[in-house]
Amino acid sequence: MAIAVKAIPTLYGAEARDFRERADEVERRNNKRPKRDLNKDPKVIAVREILRKGGIL
């Protein structure tokens, strides 16, 4: 029994322009955020420690 493949919707014309403008606006807003130092993030530190103990890092 086969699983139906869904078509991927494609935007054209005004819808495509509106989508692109909104995507660009979100990207501009995210670029204004202060950059985080992941080396100081406790979760990243914990993962690195686990990987080090496992011999992966």
C-alpha atoms as a PDB file:
ATOM      1  CA  MET A   1       0.000   0.000   0.000  1.00  0.00           C
ATOM      2  CA  ALA A   2       1.470   3.324  -1.073  1.00  0.00           C
ATOM      3  CA  ILE A   3       1.429   6.567   0.868  1.00  0.00           C
ATOM      4  CA  ALA A   4       0.065   9.529  -1.044  1.00  0.00           C
ATOM      5  CA  VAL A   5       2.647  12.223  -1.808  1.00  0.00           C
ATOM      6  CA  LYS A   6       1.413  15.735  -1.102  1.00  0.00           C
ATOM      7  CA  ALA A   7       2.189  18.501  -3.541  1.00  0.00           C
ATOM      8  CA  ILE A   8       4.430  21.291  -2.261  1.00  0.00           C
ATOM      9  CA  PRO A   9       2.592  24.598  -2.532  1.00  0.00           C
ATOM     10  CA  THR A  10       4.292  27.235  -4.652  1.00  0.00           C
ATOM     11  CA  LEU A  11       3.665  30.950  -4.298  1.00  0.00           C
ATOM     12  CA  TYR A  12       3.362  33.230  -7.311  1.00  0.00           C
ATOM     13  CA  GLY A  13       2.851  36.933  -7.903  1.00  0.00           C
ATOM     14  CA  ALA A  14       1.705  39.134  -5.032  1.00  0.00           C
ATOM     15  CA  GLU A  15       1.627  36.239  -2.550  1.00  0.00           C
ATOM     16  CA  ALA A  16       5.270  35.444  -3.288  1.00  0.00           C
ATOM     17  CA  ARG A  17       6.302  39.101  -2.915  1.00  0.00           C
ATOM     18  CA  ASP A  18       4.401  39.432   0.385  1.00  0.00           C
ATOM     19  CA  PHE A  19       5.984  36.257   1.722  1.00  0.00           C
ATOM     20  CA  ARG A  20       9.472  37.426   0.730  1.00  0.00           C
ATOM     21  CA  GLU A  21       8.947  40.854   2.317  1.00  0.00           C
ATOM     22  CA  ARG A  22       7.767  39.281   5.578  1.00  0.00           C
ATOM     23  CA  ALA A  23      10.688  36.852   5.590  1.00  0.00           C
ATOM     24  CA  ASP A  24      13.155  39.702   5.003  1.00  0.00           C
ATOM     25  CA  GLU A  25      11.594  41.724   7.837  1.00  0.00           C
ATOM     26  CA  VAL A  26      11.941  38.809  10.261  1.00  0.00           C
ATOM     27  CA  GLU A  27      15.570  38.367   9.217  1.00  0.00           C
ATOM     28  CA  ARG A  28      16.289  42.078   9.786  1.00  0.00           C
ATOM     29  CA  ARG A  29      14.719  41.934  13.261  1.00  0.00           C
ATOM     30  CA  ASN A  30      16.735  38.853  14.198  1.00  0.00           C
ATOM     31  CA  ASN A  31      19.991  40.438  13.029  1.00  0.00           C
ATOM     32  CA  LYS A  32      19.459  43.247  15.560  1.00  0.00           C
ATOM     33  CA  ARG A  33      19.493  40.821  18.491  1.00  0.00           C
ATOM     34  CA  PRO A  34      22.644  40.744  20.569  1.00  0.00           C
ATOM     35  CA  LYS A  35      24.794  37.734  19.785  1.00  0.00           C
ATOM     36  CA  ARG A  36      25.054  35.125  22.550  1.00  0.00           C
ATOM     37  CA  ASP A  37      28.290  33.466  23.534  1.00  0.00           C
ATOM     38  CA  LEU A  38      27.420  29.761  23.346  1.00  0.00           C
ATOM     39  CA  ASN A  39      30.601  28.860  25.200  1.00  0.00           C
ATOM     40  CA  LYS A  40      29.008  30.315  28.346  1.00  0.00           C
ATOM     41  CA  ASP A  41      25.611  28.615  27.921  1.00  0.00           C
ATOM     42  CA  PRO A  42      25.159  26.001  30.694  1.00  0.00           C
ATOM     43  CA  LYS A  43      23.376  23.606  28.337  1.00  0.00           C
ATOM     44  CA  VAL A  44      26.202  23.729  25.803  1.00  0.00           C
ATOM     45  CA  ILE A  45      28.731  23.207  28.579  1.00  0.00           C
ATOM     46  CA  ALA A  46      26.788  20.165  29.829  1.00  0.00           C
ATOM     47  CA  VAL A  47      26.554  18.619  26.353  1.00  0.00           C
ATOM     48  CA  ARG A  48      30.260  19.133  25.737  1.00  0.00           C
ATOM     49  CA  GLU A  49      31.066  17.497  29.077  1.00  0.00           C
ATOM     50  CA  ILE A  50      28.894  14.477  28.209  1.00  0.00           C
ATOM     51  CA  LEU A  51      30.549  14.173  24.799  1.00  0.00           C
ATOM     52  CA  ARG A  52      34.010  14.527  26.344  1.00  0.00           C
ATOM     53  CA  LYS A  53      33.269  11.776  28.873  1.00  0.00           C
ATOM     54  CA  GLY A  54      31.985   9.570  26.069  1.00  0.00           C
ATOM     55  CA  GLY A  55      35.193  10.051  24.120  1.00  0.00           C
ATOM     56  CA  ILE A  56      33.467  11.815  21.251  1.00  0.00           C
ATOM     57  CA  LEU A  57      35.137  15.199  21.778  1.00  0.00           C
END
